[in-house]
N, C-alpha and C. Protein backbone atom coordinates (compact mmCIF):
# COMPACT_ATOMS: atom_id res chain seq x y z
N MET A 1 0.85 -1.21 0.00
CA MET A 1 0.00 0.00 0.00
C MET A 1 0.87 1.24 0.00
N ASP A 2 0.53 2.25 -0.77
CA ASP A 2 1.35 3.45 -0.90
C ASP A 2 1.45 4.18 0.43
N GLY A 3 2.70 4.63 0.76
CA GLY A 3 2.90 5.32 2.03
C GLY A 3 2.24 6.67 2.06
N HIS A 4 1.99 7.25 0.84
CA HIS A 4 1.36 8.58 0.81
C HIS A 4 -0.14 8.52 1.01
N SER A 5 -0.68 7.30 0.86
CA SER A 5 -2.13 7.20 1.00
C SER A 5 -2.49 7.19 2.47
N ALA A 6 -3.38 8.02 2.88
CA ALA A 6 -3.81 8.12 4.28
C ALA A 6 -5.30 8.33 4.31
N SER A 7 -5.85 8.11 5.48
CA SER A 7 -7.30 8.28 5.62
C SER A 7 -7.67 9.73 5.38
N ALA A 8 -8.72 9.93 4.63
CA ALA A 8 -9.16 11.28 4.29
C ALA A 8 -9.70 11.98 5.52
N PRO A 9 -9.49 13.29 5.65
CA PRO A 9 -10.02 14.02 6.81
C PRO A 9 -11.54 13.99 6.83
N ALA A 10 -12.07 14.05 8.05
CA ALA A 10 -13.52 13.99 8.21
C ALA A 10 -14.16 15.21 7.54
N ALA A 11 -15.25 14.95 6.85
CA ALA A 11 -15.95 16.04 6.15
C ALA A 11 -16.64 16.93 7.17
N PRO A 12 -16.69 18.23 6.92
CA PRO A 12 -17.38 19.13 7.85
C PRO A 12 -18.86 18.80 7.93
N LEU A 13 -19.44 19.14 9.08
CA LEU A 13 -20.85 18.86 9.31
C LEU A 13 -21.71 19.65 8.34
N GLN A 14 -22.54 18.96 7.61
CA GLN A 14 -23.42 19.58 6.64
C GLN A 14 -24.80 19.81 7.25
N GLN A 15 -25.59 20.59 6.56
CA GLN A 15 -26.94 20.89 7.04
C GLN A 15 -27.77 19.62 7.16
N ASP A 16 -27.51 18.65 6.24
CA ASP A 16 -28.29 17.41 6.25
C ASP A 16 -27.93 16.52 7.43
N ASP A 17 -26.74 16.78 8.06
CA ASP A 17 -26.31 15.96 9.18
C ASP A 17 -26.98 16.35 10.49
N VAL A 18 -27.64 17.49 10.54
CA VAL A 18 -28.33 17.93 11.75
C VAL A 18 -29.49 16.99 12.03
N PRO A 19 -29.66 16.54 13.30
CA PRO A 19 -30.74 15.62 13.62
C PRO A 19 -32.10 16.13 13.17
N VAL A 20 -32.93 15.20 12.72
CA VAL A 20 -34.26 15.56 12.24
C VAL A 20 -35.08 16.15 13.39
N GLY A 21 -35.74 17.24 13.14
CA GLY A 21 -36.59 17.86 14.15
C GLY A 21 -35.87 18.89 15.00
N TYR A 22 -34.54 18.97 14.86
CA TYR A 22 -33.79 19.95 15.66
C TYR A 22 -34.03 21.35 15.13
N GLN A 23 -34.25 22.26 16.03
CA GLN A 23 -34.45 23.66 15.65
C GLN A 23 -33.72 24.53 16.65
N LYS A 24 -32.86 25.37 16.15
CA LYS A 24 -32.08 26.25 17.01
C LYS A 24 -33.01 27.19 17.76
N PRO A 25 -32.85 27.28 19.09
CA PRO A 25 -33.74 28.16 19.86
C PRO A 25 -33.56 29.61 19.46
N SER A 26 -34.66 30.33 19.45
CA SER A 26 -34.62 31.74 19.10
C SER A 26 -34.11 32.56 20.29
N LYS A 27 -33.83 33.82 20.02
CA LYS A 27 -33.36 34.71 21.07
C LYS A 27 -34.42 34.88 22.14
N GLN A 28 -35.69 34.95 21.72
CA GLN A 28 -36.78 35.10 22.69
C GLN A 28 -36.89 33.87 23.59
N GLU A 29 -36.69 32.68 23.01
CA GLU A 29 -36.75 31.45 23.81
C GLU A 29 -35.61 31.38 24.81
N ILE A 30 -34.43 31.81 24.40
CA ILE A 30 -33.29 31.82 25.32
C ILE A 30 -33.52 32.81 26.45
N GLU A 31 -34.04 33.99 26.12
CA GLU A 31 -34.33 34.99 27.15
C GLU A 31 -35.40 34.49 28.11
N ALA A 32 -36.42 33.80 27.58
CA ALA A 32 -37.47 33.25 28.43
C ALA A 32 -36.92 32.16 29.35
N PHE A 33 -35.97 31.38 28.84
CA PHE A 33 -35.35 30.32 29.64
C PHE A 33 -34.59 30.91 30.82
N TYR A 34 -33.81 31.96 30.55
CA TYR A 34 -33.07 32.61 31.62
C TYR A 34 -34.01 33.33 32.58
N LEU A 35 -35.09 33.89 32.06
CA LEU A 35 -36.05 34.59 32.91
C LEU A 35 -36.73 33.64 33.88
N SER A 36 -37.02 32.43 33.43
CA SER A 36 -37.69 31.45 34.28
C SER A 36 -36.76 30.80 35.28
N SER A 37 -35.46 31.03 35.15
CA SER A 37 -34.48 30.44 36.05
C SER A 37 -34.26 31.33 37.26
N ARG A 38 -33.96 30.73 38.38
CA ARG A 38 -33.70 31.49 39.60
C ARG A 38 -32.46 32.35 39.42
N LEU A 39 -32.56 33.61 39.85
CA LEU A 39 -31.47 34.57 39.75
C LEU A 39 -30.94 34.71 38.32
N SER A 40 -31.81 34.40 37.35
CA SER A 40 -31.47 34.45 35.92
C SER A 40 -30.30 33.54 35.57
N MET A 41 -30.12 32.47 36.36
CA MET A 41 -29.05 31.51 36.11
C MET A 41 -29.65 30.12 35.98
N PRO A 42 -29.46 29.45 34.85
CA PRO A 42 -29.96 28.09 34.68
C PRO A 42 -29.35 27.15 35.72
N PRO A 43 -30.02 26.03 36.01
CA PRO A 43 -29.51 25.09 37.03
C PRO A 43 -28.10 24.61 36.75
N MET A 44 -27.76 24.38 35.48
CA MET A 44 -26.42 23.87 35.17
C MET A 44 -25.32 24.88 35.46
N ILE A 45 -25.71 26.14 35.69
CA ILE A 45 -24.75 27.17 36.10
C ILE A 45 -24.88 27.44 37.59
N ARG A 46 -26.13 27.55 38.06
CA ARG A 46 -26.38 27.93 39.44
C ARG A 46 -25.88 26.89 40.44
N LEU A 47 -26.14 25.61 40.19
CA LEU A 47 -25.76 24.56 41.14
C LEU A 47 -24.24 24.43 41.30
N PRO A 48 -23.47 24.31 40.20
CA PRO A 48 -22.01 24.25 40.38
C PRO A 48 -21.43 25.52 41.00
N LEU A 49 -22.01 26.68 40.64
CA LEU A 49 -21.51 27.94 41.20
C LEU A 49 -21.76 27.99 42.70
N ALA A 50 -22.95 27.56 43.13
CA ALA A 50 -23.25 27.54 44.57
C ALA A 50 -22.32 26.59 45.31
N THR A 51 -22.04 25.45 44.70
CA THR A 51 -21.14 24.48 45.33
C THR A 51 -19.74 25.05 45.47
N MET A 52 -19.23 25.68 44.42
CA MET A 52 -17.87 26.23 44.46
C MET A 52 -17.77 27.37 45.47
N LEU A 53 -18.77 28.26 45.47
CA LEU A 53 -18.73 29.39 46.40
C LEU A 53 -18.83 28.92 47.85
N SER A 54 -19.70 27.96 48.11
CA SER A 54 -19.85 27.46 49.48
C SER A 54 -18.60 26.71 49.92
N PHE A 55 -18.01 25.92 49.01
CA PHE A 55 -16.77 25.22 49.36
C PHE A 55 -15.66 26.22 49.64
N GLY A 56 -15.55 27.26 48.79
CA GLY A 56 -14.51 28.26 49.00
C GLY A 56 -14.69 29.00 50.31
N THR A 57 -15.94 29.36 50.63
CA THR A 57 -16.21 30.04 51.90
C THR A 57 -15.88 29.15 53.08
N GLY A 58 -16.33 27.90 53.02
CA GLY A 58 -16.04 26.95 54.09
C GLY A 58 -14.55 26.70 54.23
N PHE A 59 -13.84 26.64 53.11
CA PHE A 59 -12.40 26.40 53.16
C PHE A 59 -11.69 27.56 53.85
N LEU A 60 -12.07 28.80 53.50
CA LEU A 60 -11.42 29.96 54.11
C LEU A 60 -11.69 30.02 55.61
N VAL A 61 -12.94 29.80 56.00
CA VAL A 61 -13.29 29.83 57.43
C VAL A 61 -12.58 28.70 58.17
N GLY A 62 -12.64 27.49 57.61
CA GLY A 62 -12.00 26.35 58.26
C GLY A 62 -10.49 26.48 58.31
N ALA A 63 -9.89 27.01 57.24
CA ALA A 63 -8.43 27.17 57.23
C ALA A 63 -7.98 28.17 58.29
N GLY A 64 -8.70 29.27 58.42
CA GLY A 64 -8.35 30.25 59.44
C GLY A 64 -8.47 29.68 60.84
N HIS A 65 -9.57 28.98 61.09
CA HIS A 65 -9.79 28.39 62.42
C HIS A 65 -8.78 27.28 62.69
N GLY A 66 -8.57 26.40 61.71
CA GLY A 66 -7.64 25.28 61.90
C GLY A 66 -6.21 25.73 62.08
N SER A 67 -5.81 26.76 61.34
CA SER A 67 -4.46 27.28 61.46
C SER A 67 -4.22 27.88 62.84
N LYS A 68 -5.18 28.65 63.32
CA LYS A 68 -5.05 29.27 64.65
C LYS A 68 -5.03 28.21 65.74
N LEU A 69 -5.90 27.22 65.63
CA LEU A 69 -5.97 26.16 66.63
C LEU A 69 -4.68 25.34 66.66
N ALA A 70 -4.15 25.00 65.47
CA ALA A 70 -2.92 24.22 65.42
C ALA A 70 -1.74 25.01 65.97
N SER A 71 -1.72 26.32 65.70
CA SER A 71 -0.65 27.17 66.22
C SER A 71 -0.69 27.24 67.74
N LEU A 72 -1.89 27.41 68.30
CA LEU A 72 -2.02 27.46 69.76
C LEU A 72 -1.64 26.12 70.39
N GLN A 73 -2.03 25.04 69.75
CA GLN A 73 -1.68 23.72 70.27
C GLN A 73 -0.17 23.50 70.26
N PHE A 74 0.48 23.94 69.20
CA PHE A 74 1.94 23.81 69.11
C PHE A 74 2.62 24.60 70.22
N ARG A 75 2.15 25.82 70.44
CA ARG A 75 2.75 26.65 71.49
C ARG A 75 2.54 26.05 72.87
N ALA A 76 1.35 25.46 73.08
CA ALA A 76 1.08 24.85 74.38
C ALA A 76 1.96 23.62 74.61
N GLU A 77 2.16 22.83 73.56
CA GLU A 77 2.95 21.61 73.69
C GLU A 77 4.44 21.90 73.88
N HIS A 78 4.90 23.06 73.42
CA HIS A 78 6.33 23.39 73.52
C HIS A 78 6.60 24.52 74.50
N ALA A 79 5.61 24.84 75.34
CA ALA A 79 5.79 25.95 76.29
C ALA A 79 6.86 25.64 77.32
N HIS A 80 7.07 24.36 77.64
CA HIS A 80 8.03 23.98 78.68
C HIS A 80 9.45 23.81 78.14
N LYS A 81 9.63 23.89 76.84
CA LYS A 81 10.96 23.68 76.25
C LYS A 81 11.22 24.70 75.14
N LEU A 82 11.12 25.98 75.51
CA LEU A 82 11.35 27.04 74.54
C LEU A 82 12.84 27.12 74.19
N PRO A 83 13.14 27.45 72.95
CA PRO A 83 14.55 27.52 72.54
C PRO A 83 15.27 28.70 73.20
N SER A 84 16.59 28.61 73.24
CA SER A 84 17.39 29.65 73.89
C SER A 84 18.39 30.30 72.95
N THR A 85 18.40 29.86 71.69
CA THR A 85 19.32 30.42 70.71
C THR A 85 18.54 30.96 69.51
N ALA A 86 19.24 31.77 68.72
CA ALA A 86 18.60 32.33 67.53
C ALA A 86 18.22 31.24 66.54
N THR A 87 19.09 30.26 66.40
CA THR A 87 18.80 29.14 65.50
C THR A 87 17.61 28.33 66.00
N GLY A 88 17.59 28.16 67.32
CA GLY A 88 16.48 27.42 67.92
C GLY A 88 15.15 28.12 67.70
N TRP A 89 15.14 29.46 67.86
CA TRP A 89 13.90 30.21 67.63
C TRP A 89 13.49 30.17 66.16
N TYR A 90 14.47 30.19 65.27
CA TYR A 90 14.16 30.10 63.84
C TYR A 90 13.48 28.77 63.53
N LEU A 91 14.03 27.68 64.05
CA LEU A 91 13.44 26.36 63.81
C LEU A 91 12.08 26.23 64.51
N TYR A 92 11.96 26.89 65.67
CA TYR A 92 10.69 26.86 66.41
C TYR A 92 9.58 27.49 65.58
N HIS A 93 9.84 28.70 65.06
CA HIS A 93 8.82 29.39 64.27
C HIS A 93 8.58 28.70 62.93
N LYS A 94 9.61 28.13 62.36
CA LYS A 94 9.45 27.40 61.11
C LYS A 94 8.55 26.18 61.31
N SER A 95 8.78 25.46 62.40
CA SER A 95 7.95 24.29 62.70
C SER A 95 6.52 24.71 63.02
N LYS A 96 6.38 25.82 63.77
CA LYS A 96 5.04 26.29 64.12
C LYS A 96 4.26 26.70 62.88
N ASN A 97 4.91 27.39 61.95
CA ASN A 97 4.23 27.79 60.72
C ASN A 97 3.83 26.58 59.88
N TYR A 98 4.68 25.58 59.85
CA TYR A 98 4.36 24.37 59.09
C TYR A 98 3.16 23.65 59.70
N ILE A 99 3.17 23.51 61.02
CA ILE A 99 2.06 22.85 61.71
C ILE A 99 0.77 23.65 61.52
N ALA A 100 0.87 24.98 61.59
CA ALA A 100 -0.31 25.83 61.41
C ALA A 100 -0.86 25.70 59.99
N ALA A 101 0.04 25.69 58.99
CA ALA A 101 -0.41 25.56 57.60
C ALA A 101 -1.06 24.20 57.36
N ARG A 102 -0.47 23.15 57.91
CA ARG A 102 -1.03 21.81 57.74
C ARG A 102 -2.39 21.70 58.42
N GLY A 103 -2.49 22.25 59.63
CA GLY A 103 -3.77 22.22 60.33
C GLY A 103 -4.83 23.05 59.62
N GLY A 104 -4.42 24.20 59.06
CA GLY A 104 -5.36 25.03 58.32
C GLY A 104 -5.85 24.35 57.06
N LEU A 105 -4.94 23.68 56.34
CA LEU A 105 -5.33 22.98 55.12
C LEU A 105 -6.30 21.84 55.43
N ARG A 106 -5.98 21.08 56.46
CA ARG A 106 -6.83 19.94 56.82
C ARG A 106 -8.22 20.40 57.25
N GLU A 107 -8.28 21.41 58.11
CA GLU A 107 -9.57 21.90 58.59
C GLU A 107 -10.33 22.63 57.48
N GLY A 108 -9.59 23.32 56.60
CA GLY A 108 -10.23 24.01 55.49
C GLY A 108 -10.91 23.04 54.53
N LEU A 109 -10.21 21.96 54.18
CA LEU A 109 -10.81 20.96 53.30
C LEU A 109 -12.01 20.29 53.96
N LYS A 110 -11.88 20.04 55.25
CA LYS A 110 -12.98 19.40 55.98
C LYS A 110 -14.22 20.30 56.02
N MET A 111 -14.02 21.55 56.41
CA MET A 111 -15.13 22.49 56.50
C MET A 111 -15.71 22.81 55.13
N GLY A 112 -14.83 23.01 54.14
CA GLY A 112 -15.29 23.31 52.79
C GLY A 112 -16.12 22.20 52.20
N THR A 113 -15.67 20.96 52.40
CA THR A 113 -16.42 19.81 51.88
C THR A 113 -17.78 19.70 52.56
N LYS A 114 -17.78 19.88 53.88
CA LYS A 114 -19.04 19.76 54.63
C LYS A 114 -20.06 20.81 54.17
N ILE A 115 -19.64 22.06 54.10
CA ILE A 115 -20.56 23.12 53.68
C ILE A 115 -20.95 22.96 52.22
N GLY A 116 -19.99 22.55 51.39
CA GLY A 116 -20.28 22.35 49.97
C GLY A 116 -21.32 21.27 49.74
N VAL A 117 -21.21 20.17 50.48
CA VAL A 117 -22.16 19.06 50.32
C VAL A 117 -23.56 19.48 50.74
N TRP A 118 -23.68 20.15 51.88
CA TRP A 118 -25.01 20.55 52.35
C TRP A 118 -25.61 21.64 51.47
N THR A 119 -24.79 22.55 50.98
CA THR A 119 -25.29 23.59 50.07
C THR A 119 -25.78 22.97 48.77
N THR A 120 -25.02 22.02 48.25
CA THR A 120 -25.44 21.32 47.03
C THR A 120 -26.76 20.60 47.25
N ALA A 121 -26.91 20.00 48.43
CA ALA A 121 -28.16 19.30 48.74
C ALA A 121 -29.34 20.27 48.76
N VAL A 122 -29.15 21.44 49.38
CA VAL A 122 -30.23 22.43 49.45
C VAL A 122 -30.64 22.90 48.06
N PHE A 123 -29.67 23.26 47.24
CA PHE A 123 -29.98 23.76 45.90
C PHE A 123 -30.54 22.66 44.99
N SER A 124 -30.07 21.43 45.17
CA SER A 124 -30.58 20.33 44.35
C SER A 124 -32.02 20.01 44.69
N ILE A 125 -32.34 19.97 45.99
CA ILE A 125 -33.72 19.70 46.40
C ILE A 125 -34.63 20.84 45.97
N GLU A 126 -34.14 22.07 46.06
CA GLU A 126 -34.91 23.22 45.60
C GLU A 126 -35.23 23.08 44.11
N HIS A 127 -34.23 22.71 43.32
CA HIS A 127 -34.45 22.54 41.88
C HIS A 127 -35.39 21.37 41.61
N MET A 128 -35.30 20.31 42.40
CA MET A 128 -36.18 19.16 42.23
C MET A 128 -37.64 19.56 42.42
N PHE A 129 -37.91 20.37 43.45
CA PHE A 129 -39.28 20.84 43.68
C PHE A 129 -39.71 21.84 42.61
N ASP A 130 -38.77 22.63 42.10
CA ASP A 130 -39.10 23.54 40.99
C ASP A 130 -39.61 22.75 39.80
N GLU A 131 -38.92 21.65 39.47
CA GLU A 131 -39.32 20.83 38.34
C GLU A 131 -40.63 20.09 38.62
N TYR A 132 -40.78 19.62 39.85
CA TYR A 132 -41.98 18.85 40.20
C TYR A 132 -43.23 19.71 40.17
N ARG A 133 -43.13 20.92 40.73
CA ARG A 133 -44.29 21.81 40.81
C ARG A 133 -44.46 22.67 39.56
N GLY A 134 -43.43 22.74 38.74
CA GLY A 134 -43.51 23.54 37.53
C GLY A 134 -43.40 25.03 37.77
N THR A 135 -42.92 25.43 38.92
CA THR A 135 -42.74 26.85 39.23
C THR A 135 -41.62 26.98 40.26
N ALA A 136 -40.91 28.10 40.20
CA ALA A 136 -39.81 28.37 41.13
C ALA A 136 -40.21 29.52 42.04
N ASP A 137 -40.47 29.21 43.31
CA ASP A 137 -40.87 30.24 44.25
C ASP A 137 -40.30 29.93 45.63
N LEU A 138 -40.64 30.79 46.60
CA LEU A 138 -40.06 30.66 47.93
C LEU A 138 -40.50 29.39 48.66
N PHE A 139 -41.65 28.83 48.28
CA PHE A 139 -42.13 27.63 48.95
C PHE A 139 -41.17 26.45 48.70
N ASN A 140 -40.63 26.37 47.50
CA ASN A 140 -39.66 25.32 47.21
C ASN A 140 -38.35 25.55 47.97
N THR A 141 -37.97 26.82 48.10
CA THR A 141 -36.75 27.14 48.85
C THR A 141 -36.91 26.78 50.31
N VAL A 142 -38.05 27.14 50.89
CA VAL A 142 -38.31 26.83 52.30
C VAL A 142 -38.34 25.31 52.50
N THR A 143 -39.00 24.60 51.59
CA THR A 143 -39.08 23.14 51.71
C THR A 143 -37.70 22.50 51.68
N SER A 144 -36.85 22.95 50.77
CA SER A 144 -35.51 22.38 50.68
C SER A 144 -34.68 22.70 51.92
N MET A 145 -34.80 23.92 52.43
CA MET A 145 -34.06 24.32 53.63
C MET A 145 -34.49 23.49 54.84
N VAL A 146 -35.79 23.37 55.03
CA VAL A 146 -36.31 22.63 56.18
C VAL A 146 -35.97 21.14 56.07
N THR A 147 -36.05 20.59 54.85
CA THR A 147 -35.71 19.18 54.65
C THR A 147 -34.25 18.92 55.02
N CYS A 148 -33.36 19.75 54.53
CA CYS A 148 -31.94 19.57 54.83
C CYS A 148 -31.64 19.82 56.31
N ALA A 149 -32.37 20.75 56.92
CA ALA A 149 -32.19 20.99 58.36
C ALA A 149 -32.58 19.75 59.16
N GLY A 150 -33.68 19.09 58.76
CA GLY A 150 -34.10 17.87 59.44
C GLY A 150 -33.09 16.75 59.29
N VAL A 151 -32.59 16.56 58.07
CA VAL A 151 -31.59 15.52 57.82
C VAL A 151 -30.30 15.84 58.57
N PHE A 152 -29.92 17.12 58.58
CA PHE A 152 -28.71 17.54 59.29
C PHE A 152 -28.83 17.27 60.79
N SER A 153 -30.00 17.53 61.34
CA SER A 153 -30.22 17.29 62.77
C SER A 153 -30.16 15.80 63.09
N LEU A 154 -30.76 14.97 62.22
CA LEU A 154 -30.69 13.53 62.43
C LEU A 154 -29.27 13.01 62.28
N TRP A 155 -28.56 13.54 61.30
CA TRP A 155 -27.18 13.10 61.04
C TRP A 155 -26.28 13.37 62.25
N ASN A 156 -26.49 14.53 62.87
CA ASN A 156 -25.67 14.92 64.02
C ASN A 156 -26.29 14.51 65.35
N ARG A 157 -27.43 13.83 65.30
CA ARG A 157 -28.11 13.33 66.51
C ARG A 157 -28.38 14.45 67.51
N TYR A 158 -28.97 15.52 66.98
CA TYR A 158 -29.31 16.64 67.85
C TYR A 158 -30.46 16.25 68.78
N SER A 159 -30.48 16.92 69.92
CA SER A 159 -31.62 16.76 70.82
C SER A 159 -32.84 17.42 70.18
N LEU A 160 -34.02 17.09 70.70
CA LEU A 160 -35.26 17.63 70.12
C LEU A 160 -35.30 19.15 70.15
N PRO A 161 -34.95 19.80 71.28
CA PRO A 161 -34.96 21.28 71.28
C PRO A 161 -33.98 21.88 70.27
N LEU A 162 -32.78 21.28 70.16
CA LEU A 162 -31.79 21.81 69.23
C LEU A 162 -32.22 21.57 67.78
N ALA A 163 -32.84 20.42 67.52
CA ALA A 163 -33.35 20.14 66.17
C ALA A 163 -34.46 21.12 65.80
N ALA A 164 -35.32 21.42 66.77
CA ALA A 164 -36.40 22.38 66.52
C ALA A 164 -35.84 23.77 66.24
N ARG A 165 -34.80 24.15 66.99
CA ARG A 165 -34.17 25.45 66.76
C ARG A 165 -33.50 25.51 65.38
N THR A 166 -32.87 24.40 64.99
CA THR A 166 -32.23 24.34 63.67
C THR A 166 -33.27 24.46 62.56
N THR A 167 -34.39 23.77 62.73
CA THR A 167 -35.45 23.82 61.73
C THR A 167 -36.06 25.22 61.65
N LYS A 168 -36.23 25.86 62.80
CA LYS A 168 -36.77 27.22 62.82
C LYS A 168 -35.84 28.19 62.09
N THR A 169 -34.54 28.03 62.33
CA THR A 169 -33.56 28.88 61.63
C THR A 169 -33.62 28.65 60.12
N ALA A 170 -33.73 27.38 59.72
CA ALA A 170 -33.84 27.06 58.29
C ALA A 170 -35.10 27.65 57.69
N LEU A 171 -36.19 27.65 58.45
CA LEU A 171 -37.45 28.23 57.98
C LEU A 171 -37.31 29.73 57.73
N VAL A 172 -36.66 30.42 58.68
CA VAL A 172 -36.48 31.87 58.54
C VAL A 172 -35.55 32.19 57.37
N VAL A 173 -34.41 31.47 57.31
CA VAL A 173 -33.44 31.72 56.23
C VAL A 173 -34.06 31.39 54.87
N GLY A 174 -34.79 30.28 54.79
CA GLY A 174 -35.43 29.90 53.54
C GLY A 174 -36.46 30.91 53.09
N THR A 175 -37.23 31.44 54.04
CA THR A 175 -38.24 32.44 53.70
C THR A 175 -37.59 33.73 53.19
N LEU A 176 -36.53 34.16 53.88
CA LEU A 176 -35.84 35.39 53.46
C LEU A 176 -35.17 35.21 52.10
N TYR A 177 -34.44 34.12 51.95
CA TYR A 177 -33.72 33.89 50.69
C TYR A 177 -34.69 33.66 49.53
N GLY A 178 -35.71 32.85 49.78
CA GLY A 178 -36.71 32.62 48.74
C GLY A 178 -37.50 33.87 48.41
N GLY A 179 -37.80 34.68 49.44
CA GLY A 179 -38.52 35.92 49.20
C GLY A 179 -37.71 36.90 48.36
N ILE A 180 -36.41 36.99 48.64
CA ILE A 180 -35.55 37.87 47.84
C ILE A 180 -35.52 37.42 46.39
N GLN A 181 -35.41 36.10 46.18
CA GLN A 181 -35.43 35.58 44.81
C GLN A 181 -36.74 35.92 44.10
N ASP A 182 -37.86 35.79 44.82
CA ASP A 182 -39.16 36.08 44.22
C ASP A 182 -39.32 37.56 43.89
N ILE A 183 -38.81 38.42 44.76
CA ILE A 183 -38.88 39.86 44.50
C ILE A 183 -38.09 40.22 43.24
N LEU A 184 -36.89 39.66 43.14
CA LEU A 184 -36.07 39.91 41.95
C LEU A 184 -36.72 39.35 40.70
N ALA A 185 -37.32 38.16 40.83
CA ALA A 185 -37.99 37.54 39.67
C ALA A 185 -39.19 38.36 39.23
N THR A 186 -39.96 38.87 40.18
CA THR A 186 -41.12 39.69 39.85
C THR A 186 -40.71 40.99 39.16
N LYS A 187 -39.62 41.59 39.63
CA LYS A 187 -39.13 42.82 39.01
C LYS A 187 -38.65 42.57 37.58
N ARG A 188 -38.17 41.35 37.32
CA ARG A 188 -37.72 41.03 35.96
C ARG A 188 -38.88 40.69 35.05
N GLY A 189 -40.08 40.56 35.61
CA GLY A 189 -41.25 40.28 34.79
C GLY A 189 -41.75 38.86 34.84
N ARG A 190 -41.17 38.02 35.71
CA ARG A 190 -41.65 36.63 35.79
C ARG A 190 -42.88 36.57 36.69
N ARG A 191 -43.88 35.83 36.24
CA ARG A 191 -45.11 35.70 37.01
C ARG A 191 -45.02 34.50 37.95
N LEU A 192 -45.35 34.75 39.20
CA LEU A 192 -45.35 33.70 40.21
C LEU A 192 -46.79 33.35 40.55
N GLN A 193 -47.06 32.08 40.72
CA GLN A 193 -48.43 31.62 40.91
C GLN A 193 -49.08 32.24 42.14
N TYR A 194 -48.36 32.23 43.26
CA TYR A 194 -48.99 32.74 44.48
C TYR A 194 -49.16 34.25 44.43
N VAL A 195 -48.25 34.94 43.72
CA VAL A 195 -48.39 36.39 43.57
C VAL A 195 -49.60 36.72 42.70
N GLU A 196 -49.77 35.97 41.61
CA GLU A 196 -50.93 36.17 40.74
C GLU A 196 -52.23 35.84 41.48
N TYR A 197 -52.18 34.83 42.34
CA TYR A 197 -53.36 34.46 43.13
C TYR A 197 -53.75 35.59 44.08
N ILE A 198 -52.74 36.16 44.75
CA ILE A 198 -53.01 37.27 45.67
C ILE A 198 -53.57 38.47 44.91
N LYS A 199 -53.02 38.74 43.72
CA LYS A 199 -53.52 39.86 42.91
C LYS A 199 -54.98 39.64 42.52
N ARG A 200 -55.32 38.41 42.14
CA ARG A 200 -56.71 38.12 41.77
C ARG A 200 -57.64 38.31 42.96
N LYS A 201 -57.21 37.88 44.13
CA LYS A 201 -58.03 38.04 45.33
C LYS A 201 -58.24 39.52 45.65
N ILE A 202 -57.18 40.31 45.50
CA ILE A 202 -57.29 41.74 45.78
C ILE A 202 -58.24 42.40 44.79
N ARG A 203 -58.14 42.03 43.51
CA ARG A 203 -59.05 42.59 42.51
C ARG A 203 -60.49 42.20 42.80
N THR A 204 -60.69 40.95 43.23
CA THR A 204 -62.04 40.49 43.55
C THR A 204 -62.62 41.28 44.72
N LEU A 205 -61.80 41.51 45.75
CA LEU A 205 -62.26 42.27 46.91
C LEU A 205 -62.59 43.71 46.53
N LYS A 206 -61.77 44.29 45.64
CA LYS A 206 -62.03 45.67 45.22
C LYS A 206 -63.32 45.76 44.42
N GLN A 207 -63.58 44.75 43.59
CA GLN A 207 -64.80 44.75 42.79
C GLN A 207 -66.03 44.61 43.68
N LYS A 208 -65.93 43.79 44.72
CA LYS A 208 -67.05 43.61 45.64
C LYS A 208 -67.30 44.86 46.46
N ALA A 209 -66.21 45.58 46.75
CA ALA A 209 -66.36 46.81 47.53
C ALA A 209 -67.01 47.90 46.69
């Protein structure tokens, strides 16, 4: 076989190669898709972004706490044998910084992973209820927050009063966060079922009056 003969390059995609029935979405359809999404961000963007931000926040908080705790522990363990020379102090601080950095990294990864997992769970359950109910509103946010608070309490074996307090906090946070999302969505022109229901009731009362 001739050495110059080689497989021909793949032909560019032709119009006939497009799957049957496929139609490129229009600009209006894309805008409507973003409008119907929470915070104008589709789930495939919002969920990973929430996970990354929560992990980063947890990592920073955990790293700061872990580094400080490891540094204090090192100082306490070596308080009875402090160095007496310049070289000794140099090695002392070098070892302390290494221990602090290692403790900060370990605690940062631990805290970041923990917060990232629970945040992902909250946003995923929220999206699941959005799809199930066919609408994105504060009720889905509250439901996801309360659900995760209950699972979190069971996971950590909280007492009944502490579990109730955790659930109450989740209820308040979910209402505030969901309410802010709904206010922003309404200002962008998205219609919410419960808002439209309240408007209809108000119009009915005004007509009767």
